[in-house]
PDB file of N, CA and C in Angstrom:
ATOM      1  N   GLY A   1     139.806  34.130 182.124  1.00  0.00           N
ATOM      2  CA  GLY A   1     140.443  32.877 181.588  1.00  0.00           C
ATOM      3  C   GLY A   1     138.784  32.175 181.043  1.00  0.00           C
ATOM      4  N   ALA A   2     139.256  31.480 179.376  1.00  0.00           N
ATOM      5  CA  ALA A   2     137.668  30.778 178.819  1.00  0.00           C
ATOM      6  C   ALA A   2     137.882  29.445 178.793  1.00  0.00           C
ATOM      7  N   ILE A   3     137.098  28.508 178.925  1.00  0.00           N
ATOM      8  CA  ILE A   3     136.777  27.120 179.168  1.00  0.00           C
ATOM      9  C   ILE A   3     136.606  27.361 177.786  1.00  0.00           C
ATOM     10  N   ALA A   4     136.141  25.901 177.101  1.00  0.00           N
ATOM     11  CA  ALA A   4     135.744  26.030 175.386  1.00  0.00           C
ATOM     12  C   ALA A   4     135.498  24.147 175.737  1.00  0.00           C
ATOM     13  N   GLY A   5     134.570  23.586 175.398  1.00  0.00           N
ATOM     14  CA  GLY A   5     134.086  21.960 175.540  1.00  0.00           C
ATOM     15  C   GLY A   5     133.031  21.484 174.500  1.00  0.00           C
ATOM     16  N   PHE A   6     132.184  20.567 174.298  1.00  0.00           N
ATOM     17  CA  PHE A   6     131.307  20.548 173.870  1.00  0.00           C
ATOM     18  C   PHE A   6     130.486  19.492 174.813  1.00  0.00           C
ATOM     19  N   TRP A   7     129.150  19.549 174.233  1.00  0.00           N
ATOM     20  CA  TRP A   7     128.218  18.925 175.508  1.00  0.00           C
ATOM     21  C   TRP A   7     127.765  17.808 174.871  1.00  0.00           C
ATOM     22  N   PRO A   8     128.109  16.072 174.985  1.00  0.00           N
ATOM     23  CA  PRO A   8     128.001  15.398 173.822  1.00  0.00           C
ATOM     24  C   PRO A   8     126.307  15.032 173.905  1.00  0.00           C
ATOM     25  N   LYS A   9     125.487  15.359 175.205  1.00  0.00           N
ATOM     26  CA  LYS A   9     124.573  14.891 175.801  1.00  0.00           C
ATOM     27  C   LYS A   9     123.132  15.754 174.290  1.00  0.00           C
ATOM     28  N   TRP A  10     123.516  17.274 174.541  1.00  0.00           N
ATOM     29  CA  TRP A  10     122.747  18.281 173.640  1.00  0.00           C
ATOM     30  C   TRP A  10     123.348  18.221 172.069  1.00  0.00           C
ATOM     31  N   ILE A  11     124.791  17.591 172.219  1.00  0.00           N
ATOM     32  CA  ILE A  11     124.962  18.484 170.468  1.00  0.00           C
ATOM     33  C   ILE A  11     125.649  19.713 170.347  1.00  0.00           C
ATOM     34  N   MET A  12     126.317  19.826 171.260  1.00  0.00           N
ATOM     35  CA  MET A  12     126.779  21.465 171.206  1.00  0.00           C
ATOM     36  C   MET A  12     127.656  21.898 172.425  1.00  0.00           C
ATOM     37  N   PRO A  13     128.268  22.320 171.502  1.00  0.00           N
ATOM     38  CA  PRO A  13     130.318  23.408 171.802  1.00  0.00           C
ATOM     39  C   PRO A  13     129.460  24.751 172.506  1.00  0.00           C
ATOM     40  N   TYR A  14     130.322  24.562 173.364  1.00  0.00           N
ATOM     41  CA  TYR A  14     130.344  25.951 174.459  1.00  0.00           C
ATOM     42  C   TYR A  14     131.972  26.308 174.966  1.00  0.00           C
ATOM     43  N   VAL A  15     131.378  27.367 175.680  1.00  0.00           N
ATOM     44  CA  VAL A  15     132.615  28.779 175.831  1.00  0.00           C
ATOM     45  C   VAL A  15     132.115  29.517 177.057  1.00  0.00           C
ATOM     46  N   TRP A  16     132.842  29.171 178.629  1.00  0.00           N
ATOM     47  CA  TRP A  16     132.315  29.249 179.594  1.00  0.00           C
ATOM     48  C   TRP A  16     134.028  30.120 180.626  1.00  0.00           C
ATOM     49  N   PHE A  17     133.295  31.733 180.518  1.00  0.00           N
ATOM     50  CA  PHE A  17     134.096  32.600 180.752  1.00  0.00           C
ATOM     51  C   PHE A  17     134.707  32.428 182.058  1.00  0.00           C
ATOM     52  N   THR A  18     135.873  32.524 182.714  1.00  0.00           N
ATOM     53  CA  THR A  18     135.851  32.338 184.217  1.00  0.00           C
ATOM     54  C   THR A  18     136.625  33.953 184.506  1.00  0.00           C
ATOM     55  N   MET A  19     135.718  34.860 183.653  1.00  0.00           N
ATOM     56  CA  MET A  19     136.902  35.751 184.225  1.00  0.00           C
ATOM     57  C   MET A  19     135.086  37.069 183.932  1.00  0.00           C
ATOM     58  N   THR A  20     135.083  37.804 184.523  1.00  0.00           N
ATOM     59  CA  THR A  20     134.254  39.062 184.049  1.00  0.00           C
ATOM     60  C   THR A  20     133.867  39.837 182.737  1.00  0.00           C
ATOM     61  N   VAL A  21     133.526  40.133 182.028  1.00  0.00           N
ATOM     62  CA  VAL A  21     133.694  40.609 180.292  1.00  0.00           C
ATOM     63  C   VAL A  21     132.577  41.898 179.858  1.00  0.00           C
ATOM     64  N   SER A  22     132.991  42.488 179.558  1.00  0.00           N
ATOM     65  CA  SER A  22     131.701  44.005 179.980  1.00  0.00           C
ATOM     66  C   SER A  22     130.919  43.163 178.761  1.00  0.00           C
ATOM     67  N   ARG A  23     129.338  44.357 179.044  1.00  0.00           N
ATOM     68  CA  ARG A  23     128.057  43.687 178.174  1.00  0.00           C
ATOM     69  C   ARG A  23     128.538  44.112 176.537  1.00  0.00           C
ATOM     70  N   GLY A  24     128.635  44.630 176.197  1.00  0.00           N
ATOM     71  CA  GLY A  24     128.737  44.212 174.564  1.00  0.00           C
ATOM     72  C   GLY A  24     130.430  43.443 174.277  1.00  0.00           C
ATOM     73  N   CYS A  25     130.790  42.432 175.193  1.00  0.00           N
ATOM     74  CA  CYS A  25     131.466  41.697 174.584  1.00  0.00           C
ATOM     75  C   CYS A  25     130.842  40.594 175.039  1.00  0.00           C
ATOM     76  N   MET A  26     130.519  40.177 175.277  1.00  0.00           N
ATOM     77  CA  MET A  26     128.862  39.002 175.922  1.00  0.00           C
ATOM     78  C   MET A  26     127.710  38.817 174.218  1.00  0.00           C
ATOM     79  N   VAL A  27     127.838  40.632 174.754  1.00  0.00           N
ATOM     80  CA  VAL A  27     126.761  40.024 173.090  1.00  0.00           C
ATOM     81  C   VAL A  27     127.864  39.552 171.986  1.00  0.00           C
ATOM     82  N   PHE A  28     128.797  40.519 171.268  1.00  0.00           N
ATOM     83  CA  PHE A  28     129.631  40.002 170.671  1.00  0.00           C
ATOM     84  C   PHE A  28     129.764  38.549 170.615  1.00  0.00           C
ATOM     85  N   PHE A  29     130.114  37.781 172.100  1.00  0.00           N
ATOM     86  CA  PHE A  29     130.362  36.248 171.589  1.00  0.00           C
ATOM     87  C   PHE A  29     129.238  35.475 171.530  1.00  0.00           C
ATOM     88  N   LEU A  30     128.286  36.194 172.048  1.00  0.00           N
ATOM     89  CA  LEU A  30     127.060  35.068 171.694  1.00  0.00           C
ATOM     90  C   LEU A  30     126.575  35.628 170.097  1.00  0.00           C
ATOM     91  N   LEU A  31     126.398  36.455 169.323  1.00  0.00           N
ATOM     92  CA  LEU A  31     126.060  36.444 168.502  1.00  0.00           C
ATOM     93  C   LEU A  31     126.956  36.369 167.102  1.00  0.00           C
ATOM     94  N   ALA A  32     128.157  35.713 166.823  1.00  0.00           N
ATOM     95  CA  ALA A  32     128.944  36.036 166.742  1.00  0.00           C
ATOM     96  C   ALA A  32     128.843  34.872 165.500  1.00  0.00           C
ATOM     97  N   PRO A  33     128.835  33.330 165.864  1.00  0.00           N
ATOM     98  CA  PRO A  33     128.665  31.980 165.987  1.00  0.00           C
ATOM     99  C   PRO A  33     127.379  32.068 164.804  1.00  0.00           C
ATOM    100  N   THR A  34     126.281  33.016 165.335  1.00  0.00           N
ATOM    101  CA  THR A  34     125.338  33.207 164.378  1.00  0.00           C
ATOM    102  C   THR A  34     125.138  33.958 163.384  1.00  0.00           C
ATOM    103  N   ILE A  35     125.816  35.018 163.667  1.00  0.00           N
ATOM    104  CA  ILE A  35     126.258  35.522 162.051  1.00  0.00           C
ATOM    105  C   ILE A  35     127.155  35.337 161.755  1.00  0.00           C
ATOM    106  N   VAL A  36     128.417  34.387 162.558  1.00  0.00           N
ATOM    107  CA  VAL A  36     128.670  33.631 160.715  1.00  0.00           C
ATOM    108  C   VAL A  36     128.688  32.309 160.108  1.00  0.00           C
ATOM    109  N   LEU A  37     127.637  31.898 160.410  1.00  0.00           N
ATOM    110  CA  LEU A  37     127.273  30.427 160.383  1.00  0.00           C
ATOM    111  C   LEU A  37     125.638  30.276 160.039  1.00  0.00           C
ATOM    112  N   THR A  38     125.059  31.447 159.881  1.00  0.00           N
ATOM    113  CA  THR A  38     124.422  31.786 158.870  1.00  0.00           C
ATOM    114  C   THR A  38     123.959  32.718 157.798  1.00  0.00           C
ATOM    115  N   GLY A  39     124.616  34.326 158.603  1.00  0.00           N
ATOM    116  CA  GLY A  39     124.798  35.551 158.109  1.00  0.00           C
ATOM    117  C   GLY A  39     125.896  35.494 156.428  1.00  0.00           C
ATOM    118  N   ILE A  40     126.374  34.333 156.850  1.00  0.00           N
ATOM    119  CA  ILE A  40     127.449  34.684 155.647  1.00  0.00           C
ATOM    120  C   ILE A  40     127.425  33.354 154.688  1.00  0.00           C
ATOM    121  N   PRO A  41     126.844  32.550 154.946  1.00  0.00           N
ATOM    122  CA  PRO A  41     126.182  31.724 153.669  1.00  0.00           C
ATOM    123  C   PRO A  41     125.006  31.935 152.573  1.00  0.00           C
ATOM    124  N   TRP A  42     123.818  33.262 153.299  1.00  0.00           N
ATOM    125  CA  TRP A  42     122.992  33.194 153.019  1.00  0.00           C
ATOM    126  C   TRP A  42     123.347  34.806 152.509  1.00  0.00           C
ATOM    127  N   LEU A  43     124.621  35.350 152.649  1.00  0.00           N
ATOM    128  CA  LEU A  43     124.756  37.004 151.575  1.00  0.00           C
ATOM    129  C   LEU A  43     125.099  36.231 150.631  1.00  0.00           C
ATOM    130  N   LEU A  44     126.003  34.746 150.908  1.00  0.00           N
ATOM    131  CA  LEU A  44     127.187  34.144 148.940  1.00  0.00           C
ATOM    132  C   LEU A  44     125.676  33.514 148.568  1.00  0.00           C
ATOM    133  N   MET A  45     124.719  33.369 149.080  1.00  0.00           N
ATOM    134  CA  MET A  45     123.306  32.343 147.802  1.00  0.00           C
ATOM    135  C   MET A  45     123.204  33.242 147.816  1.00  0.00           C
ATOM    136  N   ALA A  46     123.018  34.815 147.693  1.00  0.00           N
ATOM    137  CA  ALA A  46     122.160  36.250 147.392  1.00  0.00           C
ATOM    138  C   ALA A  46     123.046  36.078 146.398  1.00  0.00           C
ATOM    139  N   ALA A  47     124.652  36.493 146.635  1.00  0.00           N
ATOM    140  CA  ALA A  47     125.366  37.114 144.916  1.00  0.00           C
ATOM    141  C   ALA A  47     125.079  35.972 144.850  1.00  0.00           C
ATOM    142  N   GLY A  48     125.008  34.333 144.029  1.00  0.00           N
ATOM    143  CA  GLY A  48     124.769  34.216 143.709  1.00  0.00           C
ATOM    144  C   GLY A  48     125.558  32.930 143.848  1.00  0.00           C
ATOM    145  N   PHE A  49     126.692  32.091 144.645  1.00  0.00           N
ATOM    146  CA  PHE A  49     126.846  31.634 145.366  1.00  0.00           C
ATOM    147  C   PHE A  49     126.368  30.631 145.692  1.00  0.00           C
ATOM    148  N   GLY A  50     126.871  28.890 145.291  1.00  0.00           N
ATOM    149  CA  GLY A  50     126.003  27.887 146.409  1.00  0.00           C
ATOM    150  C   GLY A  50     123.830  28.006 146.434  1.00  0.00           C
ATOM    151  N   HIS A  51     123.286  27.892 145.423  1.00  0.00           N
ATOM    152  CA  HIS A  51     122.010  27.467 145.668  1.00  0.00           C
ATOM    153  C   HIS A  51     122.000  26.292 145.219  1.00  0.00           C
ATOM    154  N   ASN A  52     121.662  25.381 146.545  1.00  0.00           N
ATOM    155  CA  ASN A  52     121.178  23.989 146.487  1.00  0.00           C
ATOM    156  C   ASN A  52     120.131  24.056 148.075  1.00  0.00           C
ATOM    157  N   THR A  53     120.053  22.676 148.019  1.00  0.00           N
ATOM    158  CA  THR A  53     118.642  23.515 149.135  1.00  0.00           C
ATOM    159  C   THR A  53     119.482  22.935 150.518  1.00  0.00           C
ATOM    160  N   TRP A  54     120.706  22.031 150.793  1.00  0.00           N
ATOM    161  CA  TRP A  54     121.532  22.286 151.742  1.00  0.00           C
ATOM    162  C   TRP A  54     122.436  23.418 151.928  1.00  0.00           C
ATOM    163  N   PHE A  55     122.711  23.947 151.746  1.00  0.00           N
ATOM    164  CA  PHE A  55     123.299  25.449 151.095  1.00  0.00           C
ATOM    165  C   PHE A  55     122.427  26.560 152.010  1.00  0.00           C
ATOM    166  N   ALA A  56     121.152  25.965 151.704  1.00  0.00           N
ATOM    167  CA  ALA A  56     119.736  26.822 152.221  1.00  0.00           C
ATOM    168  C   ALA A  56     119.323  26.945 154.026  1.00  0.00           C
ATOM    169  N   ALA A  57     119.961  25.034 154.218  1.00  0.00           N
ATOM    170  CA  ALA A  57     118.652  24.911 155.153  1.00  0.00           C
ATOM    171  C   ALA A  57     119.474  24.461 156.243  1.00  0.00           C
ATOM    172  N   LEU A  58     120.854  24.107 155.716  1.00  0.00           N
ATOM    173  CA  LEU A  58     122.018  24.253 157.344  1.00  0.00           C
ATOM    174  C   LEU A  58     121.866  25.850 157.970  1.00  0.00           C
ATOM    175  N   PRO A  59     122.042  26.978 157.091  1.00  0.00           N
ATOM    176  CA  PRO A  59     121.808  28.017 158.165  1.00  0.00           C
ATOM    177  C   PRO A  59     120.787  28.052 158.445  1.00  0.00           C
ATOM    178  N   LEU A  60     119.692  27.582 157.593  1.00  0.00           N
ATOM    179  CA  LEU A  60     117.711  28.040 158.827  1.00  0.00           C
ATOM    180  C   LEU A  60     117.769  27.262 159.468  1.00  0.00           C
ATOM    181  N   LEU A  61     118.731  26.276 160.318  1.00  0.00           N
ATOM    182  CA  LEU A  61     118.658  25.271 161.029  1.00  0.00           C
ATOM    183  C   LEU A  61     119.690  25.856 162.206  1.00  0.00           C
ATOM    184  N   ASN A  62     120.808  25.770 161.861  1.00  0.00           N
ATOM    185  CA  ASN A  62     121.472  26.890 162.890  1.00  0.00           C
ATOM    186  C   ASN A  62     120.909  28.209 163.795  1.00  0.00           C
ATOM    187  N   LEU A  63     120.181  28.874 162.745  1.00  0.00           N
ATOM    188  CA  LEU A  63     119.581  29.877 163.247  1.00  0.00           C
ATOM    189  C   LEU A  63     118.356  29.448 164.410  1.00  0.00           C
ATOM    190  N   MET A  64     117.779  28.795 163.967  1.00  0.00           N
ATOM    191  CA  MET A  64     116.986  27.894 164.480  1.00  0.00           C
ATOM    192  C   MET A  64     117.071  27.220 166.338  1.00  0.00           C
ATOM    193  N   GLY A  65     118.825  26.863 166.361  1.00  0.00           N
ATOM    194  CA  GLY A  65     119.035  26.521 167.385  1.00  0.00           C
ATOM    195  C   GLY A  65     119.719  27.848 168.264  1.00  0.00           C
ATOM    196  N   ALA A  66     119.680  29.125 167.270  1.00  0.00           N
ATOM    197  CA  ALA A  66     120.691  29.564 168.269  1.00  0.00           C
ATOM    198  C   ALA A  66     120.054  30.995 168.453  1.00  0.00           C
ATOM    199  N   GLY A  67     118.361  30.018 169.189  1.00  0.00           N
ATOM    200  CA  GLY A  67     117.197  31.169 169.553  1.00  0.00           C
ATOM    201  C   GLY A  67     117.249  31.445 170.480  1.00  0.00           C
ATOM    202  N   GLY A  68     118.353  30.467 172.423  1.00  0.00           N
ATOM    203  CA  GLY A  68     118.932  31.176 173.031  1.00  0.00           C
ATOM    204  C   GLY A  68     119.621  31.830 173.498  1.00  0.00           C
ATOM    205  N   ASP A  69     120.860  32.153 172.377  1.00  0.00           N
ATOM    206  CA  ASP A  69     121.532  33.253 172.086  1.00  0.00           C
ATOM    207  C   ASP A  69     121.085  34.027 172.201  1.00  0.00           C
ATOM    208  N   LEU A  70     119.897  34.109 171.232  1.00  0.00           N
ATOM    209  CA  LEU A  70     118.989  36.080 170.010  1.00  0.00           C
ATOM    210  C   LEU A  70     118.609  35.852 171.715  1.00  0.00           C
ATOM    211  N   ILE A  71     118.217  35.289 172.066  1.00  0.00           N
ATOM    212  CA  ILE A  71     116.855  35.983 173.554  1.00  0.00           C
ATOM    213  C   ILE A  71     118.144  36.306 174.486  1.00  0.00           C
ATOM    214  N   TYR A  72     119.592  36.131 174.394  1.00  0.00           N
ATOM    215  CA  TYR A  72     119.957  35.833 176.172  1.00  0.00           C
ATOM    216  C   TYR A  72     119.980  37.324 175.269  1.00  0.00           C
ATOM    217  N   SER A  73     121.000  37.576 174.529  1.00  0.00           N
ATOM    218  CA  SER A  73     121.538  39.161 173.752  1.00  0.00           C
ATOM    219  C   SER A  73     120.251  39.964 173.979  1.00  0.00           C
ATOM    220  N   ALA A  74     119.052  39.661 173.740  1.00  0.00           N
ATOM    221  CA  ALA A  74     118.511  40.437 173.445  1.00  0.00           C
ATOM    222  C   ALA A  74     117.987  41.341 174.948  1.00  0.00           C
ATOM    223  N   ASN A  75     118.014  40.089 175.643  1.00  0.00           N
ATOM    224  CA  ASN A  75     117.954  40.566 177.393  1.00  0.00           C
ATOM    225  C   ASN A  75     119.156  41.260 177.629  1.00  0.00           C
ATOM    226  N   LEU A  76     119.885  40.893 177.774  1.00  0.00           N
ATOM    227  CA  LEU A  76     121.455  42.148 177.656  1.00  0.00           C
ATOM    228  C   LEU A  76     121.463  43.006 177.847  1.00  0.00           C
ATOM    229  N   LEU A  77     120.393  43.518 176.157  1.00  0.00           N
ATOM    230  CA  LEU A  77     120.584  44.525 175.321  1.00  0.00           C
ATOM    231  C   LEU A  77     119.398  45.133 175.875  1.00  0.00           C
ATOM    232  N   LEU A  78     118.277  45.297 176.425  1.00  0.00           N
ATOM    233  CA  LEU A  78     117.646  46.114 177.042  1.00  0.00           C
ATOM    234  C   LEU A  78     117.789  46.012 178.252  1.00  0.00           C
ATOM    235  N   HIS A  79     118.376  45.311 179.169  1.00  0.00           N
ATOM    236  CA  HIS A  79     117.942  45.049 180.583  1.00  0.00           C
ATOM    237  C   HIS A  79     119.596  45.629 181.280  1.00  0.00           C
ATOM    238  N   GLY A  80     120.864  45.669 180.054  1.00  0.00           N
ATOM    239  CA  GLY A  80     121.737  45.178 181.054  1.00  0.00           C
ATOM    240  C   GLY A  80     121.890  46.770 180.847  1.00  0.00           C
ATOM    241  N   PRO A  81     122.688  46.978 182.092  1.00  0.00           N
ATOM    242  CA  PRO A  81     123.646  48.706 181.906  1.00  0.00           C
ATOM    243  C   PRO A  81     124.323  48.756 181.470  1.00  0.00           C
ATOM    244  N   ARG A  82     124.715  50.133 180.539  1.00  0.00           N
ATOM    245  CA  ARG A  82     125.659  50.122 178.989  1.00  0.00           C
ATOM    246  C   ARG A  82     127.485  49.832 179.559  1.00  0.00           C
ATOM    247  N   ASN A  83     127.499  50.071 180.709  1.00  0.00           N
ATOM    248  CA  ASN A  83     128.574  49.974 181.397  1.00  0.00           C
ATOM    249  C   ASN A  83     129.308  49.039 182.609  1.00  0.00           C
ATOM    250  N   ALA A  84     127.805  47.901 182.220  1.00  0.00           N
ATOM    251  CA  ALA A  84     127.992  46.577 183.430  1.00  0.00           C
ATOM    252  C   ALA A  84     128.976  45.378 182.853  1.00  0.00           C
ATOM    253  N   MET A  85     129.980  44.648 183.835  1.00  0.00           N
ATOM    254  CA  MET A  85     130.657  43.590 184.133  1.00  0.00           C
ATOM    255  C   MET A  85     129.739  42.793 184.134  1.00  0.00           C
ATOM    256  N   CYS A  86     129.640  41.872 183.182  1.00  0.00           N
ATOM    257  CA  CYS A  86     129.024  40.806 183.102  1.00  0.00           C
ATOM    258  C   CYS A  86     129.820  39.216 183.721  1.00  0.00           C
ATOM    259  N   ARG A  87     129.094  38.501 184.384  1.00  0.00           N
ATOM    260  CA  ARG A  87     129.727  36.895 184.697  1.00  0.00           C
ATOM    261  C   ARG A  87     127.990  35.984 184.450  1.00  0.00           C
ATOM    262  N   SER A  88     128.303  34.927 184.043  1.00  0.00           N
ATOM    263  CA  SER A  88     127.786  33.742 183.447  1.00  0.00           C
ATOM    264  C   SER A  88     127.719  33.115 184.026  1.00  0.00           C
ATOM    265  N   HIS A  89     126.915  32.209 184.625  1.00  0.00           N
ATOM    266  CA  HIS A  89     126.799  30.783 185.232  1.00  0.00           C
ATOM    267  C   HIS A  89     125.627  30.516 184.419  1.00  0.00           C
ATOM    268  N   GLY A  90     125.366  29.832 183.089  1.00  0.00           N
ATOM    269  CA  GLY A  90     124.437  29.059 183.422  1.00  0.00           C
ATOM    270  C   GLY A  90     123.506  29.983 182.125  1.00  0.00           C
ATOM    271  N   TRP A  91     121.734  29.454 182.994  1.00  0.00           N
ATOM    272  CA  TRP A  91     120.958  31.859 182.200  1.00  0.00           C
ATOM    273  C   TRP A  91     121.561  31.747 183.132  1.00  0.00           C
ATOM    274  N   THR A  92     121.414  32.235 184.581  1.00  0.00           N
ATOM    275  CA  THR A  92     122.379  33.113 185.368  1.00  0.00           C
ATOM    276  C   THR A  92     123.541  34.160 185.206  1.00  0.00           C
ATOM    277  N   THR A  93     122.982  35.441 185.024  1.00  0.00           N
ATOM    278  CA  THR A  93     123.828  36.568 184.510  1.00  0.00           C
ATOM    279  C   THR A  93     123.407  37.637 185.347  1.00  0.00           C
ATOM    280  N   TRP A  94     125.212  38.087 185.827  1.00  0.00           N
ATOM    281  CA  TRP A  94     124.972  39.015 187.252  1.00  0.00           C
ATOM    282  C   TRP A  94     126.197  40.097 186.289  1.00  0.00           C
ATOM    283  N   TRP A  95     126.332  41.183 186.899  1.00  0.00           N
ATOM    284  CA  TRP A  95     126.774  42.612 186.058  1.00  0.00           C
ATOM    285  C   TRP A  95     126.008  43.505 187.414  1.00  0.00           C
ATOM    286  N   LYS A  96     127.401  43.880 187.476  1.00  0.00           N
ATOM    287  CA  LYS A  96     127.661  44.803 187.908  1.00  0.00           C
ATOM    288  C   LYS A  96     128.421  46.423 187.560  1.00  0.00           C
ATOM    289  N   LEU A  97     128.671  47.720 187.476  1.00  0.00           N
ATOM    290  CA  LEU A  97     128.252  48.946 187.138  1.00  0.00           C
ATOM    291  C   LEU A  97     130.241  48.494 187.139  1.00  0.00           C
ATOM    292  N   SER A  98     131.174  49.159 185.746  1.00  0.00           N
ATOM    293  CA  SER A  98     131.949  49.274 186.064  1.00  0.00           C
ATOM    294  C   SER A  98     132.476  50.489 184.860  1.00  0.00           C
ATOM    295  N   ALA A  99     133.847  51.469 184.899  1.00  0.00           N
ATOM    296  CA  ALA A  99     134.344  52.092 184.500  1.00  0.00           C
ATOM    297  C   ALA A  99     134.938  51.440 182.834  1.00  0.00           C
ATOM    298  N   ASP A 100     135.917  50.248 183.294  1.00  0.00           N
ATOM    299  CA  ASP A 100     135.558  49.553 182.322  1.00  0.00           C
ATOM    300  C   ASP A 100     135.171  48.595 181.439  1.00  0.00           C
ATOM    301  N   ALA A 101     134.319  48.661 181.653  1.00  0.00           N
ATOM    302  CA  ALA A 101     132.945  47.898 180.115  1.00  0.00           C
ATOM    303  C   ALA A 101     133.064  49.351 179.141  1.00  0.00           C
ATOM    304  N   ALA A 102     133.569  50.321 179.547  1.00  0.00           N
ATOM    305  CA  ALA A 102     133.813  51.234 178.272  1.00  0.00           C
ATOM    306  C   ALA A 102     134.840  50.969 177.107  1.00  0.00           C
ATOM    307  N   LEU A 103     136.074  49.678 178.041  1.00  0.00           N
ATOM    308  CA  LEU A 103     136.935  49.548 176.127  1.00  0.00           C
ATOM    309  C   LEU A 103     136.194  48.910 175.745  1.00  0.00           C
ATOM    310  N   PRO A 104     137.271  48.819 174.371  1.00  0.00           N
ATOM    311  CA  PRO A 104     136.316  47.838 174.008  1.00  0.00           C
ATOM    312  C   PRO A 104     136.841  46.439 173.576  1.00  0.00           C
ATOM    313  N   CYS A 105     136.770  45.252 173.043  1.00  0.00           N
ATOM    314  CA  CYS A 105     136.463  44.305 173.853  1.00  0.00           C
ATOM    315  C   CYS A 105     137.647  43.540 173.847  1.00  0.00           C
ATOM    316  N   ALA A 106     138.928  43.625 173.306  1.00  0.00           N
ATOM    317  CA  ALA A 106     140.432  43.169 173.880  1.00  0.00           C
ATOM    318  C   ALA A 106     140.993  43.723 174.229  1.00  0.00           C
ATOM    319  N   ALA A 107     140.425  44.693 174.407  1.00  0.00           N
ATOM    320  CA  ALA A 107     140.965  45.512 176.150  1.00  0.00           C
ATOM    321  C   ALA A 107     140.587  45.501 177.340  1.00  0.00           C
ATOM    322  N   GLY A 108     138.705  45.012 177.584  1.00  0.00           N
ATOM    323  CA  GLY A 108     138.580  45.351 178.286  1.00  0.00           C
ATOM    324  C   GLY A 108     137.637  43.357 178.903  1.00  0.00           C
ATOM    325  N   SER A 109     138.211  42.905 178.065  1.00  0.00           N
ATOM    326  CA  SER A 109     137.713  41.633 178.770  1.00  0.00           C
ATOM    327  C   SER A 109     138.187  41.476 179.523  1.00  0.00           C
ATOM    328  N   ALA A 110     139.655  41.586 179.269  1.00  0.00           N
ATOM    329  CA  ALA A 110     140.011  40.653 180.601  1.00  0.00           C
ATOM    330  C   ALA A 110     140.862  41.714 181.962  1.00  0.00           C
ATOM    331  N   GLN A 111     140.188  42.736 182.363  1.00  0.00           N
ATOM    332  CA  GLN A 111     139.863  43.895 183.375  1.00  0.00           C
ATOM    333  C   GLN A 111     138.600  43.564 183.953  1.00  0.00           C
ATOM    334  N   GLY A 112     139.136  44.447 184.819  1.00  0.00           N
ATOM    335  CA  GLY A 112     137.557  44.375 186.078  1.00  0.00           C
ATOM    336  C   GLY A 112     138.034  43.107 186.958  1.00  0.00           C
ATOM    337  N   THR A 113     136.140  43.070 188.408  1.00  0.00           N
ATOM    338  CA  THR A 113     136.924  42.367 188.926  1.00  0.00           C
ATOM    339  C   THR A 113     136.147  41.352 189.259  1.00  0.00           C
ATOM    340  N   GLU A 114     135.810  40.329 189.770  1.00  0.00           N
ATOM    341  CA  GLU A 114     135.427  38.894 189.662  1.00  0.00           C
ATOM    342  C   GLU A 114     133.864  39.000 189.938  1.00  0.00           C
ATOM    343  N   ALA A 115     132.876  39.589 189.933  1.00  0.00           N
ATOM    344  CA  ALA A 115     131.669  38.781 190.115  1.00  0.00           C
ATOM    345  C   ALA A 115     131.393  37.859 191.510  1.00  0.00           C
ATOM    346  N   ARG A 116     131.025  38.556 192.495  1.00  0.00           N
ATOM    347  CA  ARG A 116     130.472  37.592 193.065  1.00  0.00           C
ATOM    348  C   ARG A 116     129.053  38.043 193.801  1.00  0.00           C
TER     349      ARG A 116
END
């Protein structure tokens, strides 16, 4: 399962996974908000929609705020084994090798055993 919440002190939403997920799924979950909230507005601007200061500035602010997710994703991609099942708590991530990690995100995310 997953728990979604909001951290008022940092004005930050979060999702905490109570299960192991594949490395690919974890990277997808980390990068999806950045791609949607930064990439799509910039693509729309490149296509000729929304040429104003706020439409350009808000995605840039989101990109600056996503620095931790970008670094975390790069760390997983560079150092995590391809067939790893991952579990995170804060800035700490554990992984173990598993055949389940080769499955697509929807199928593999609910499988595997809990990291201990």
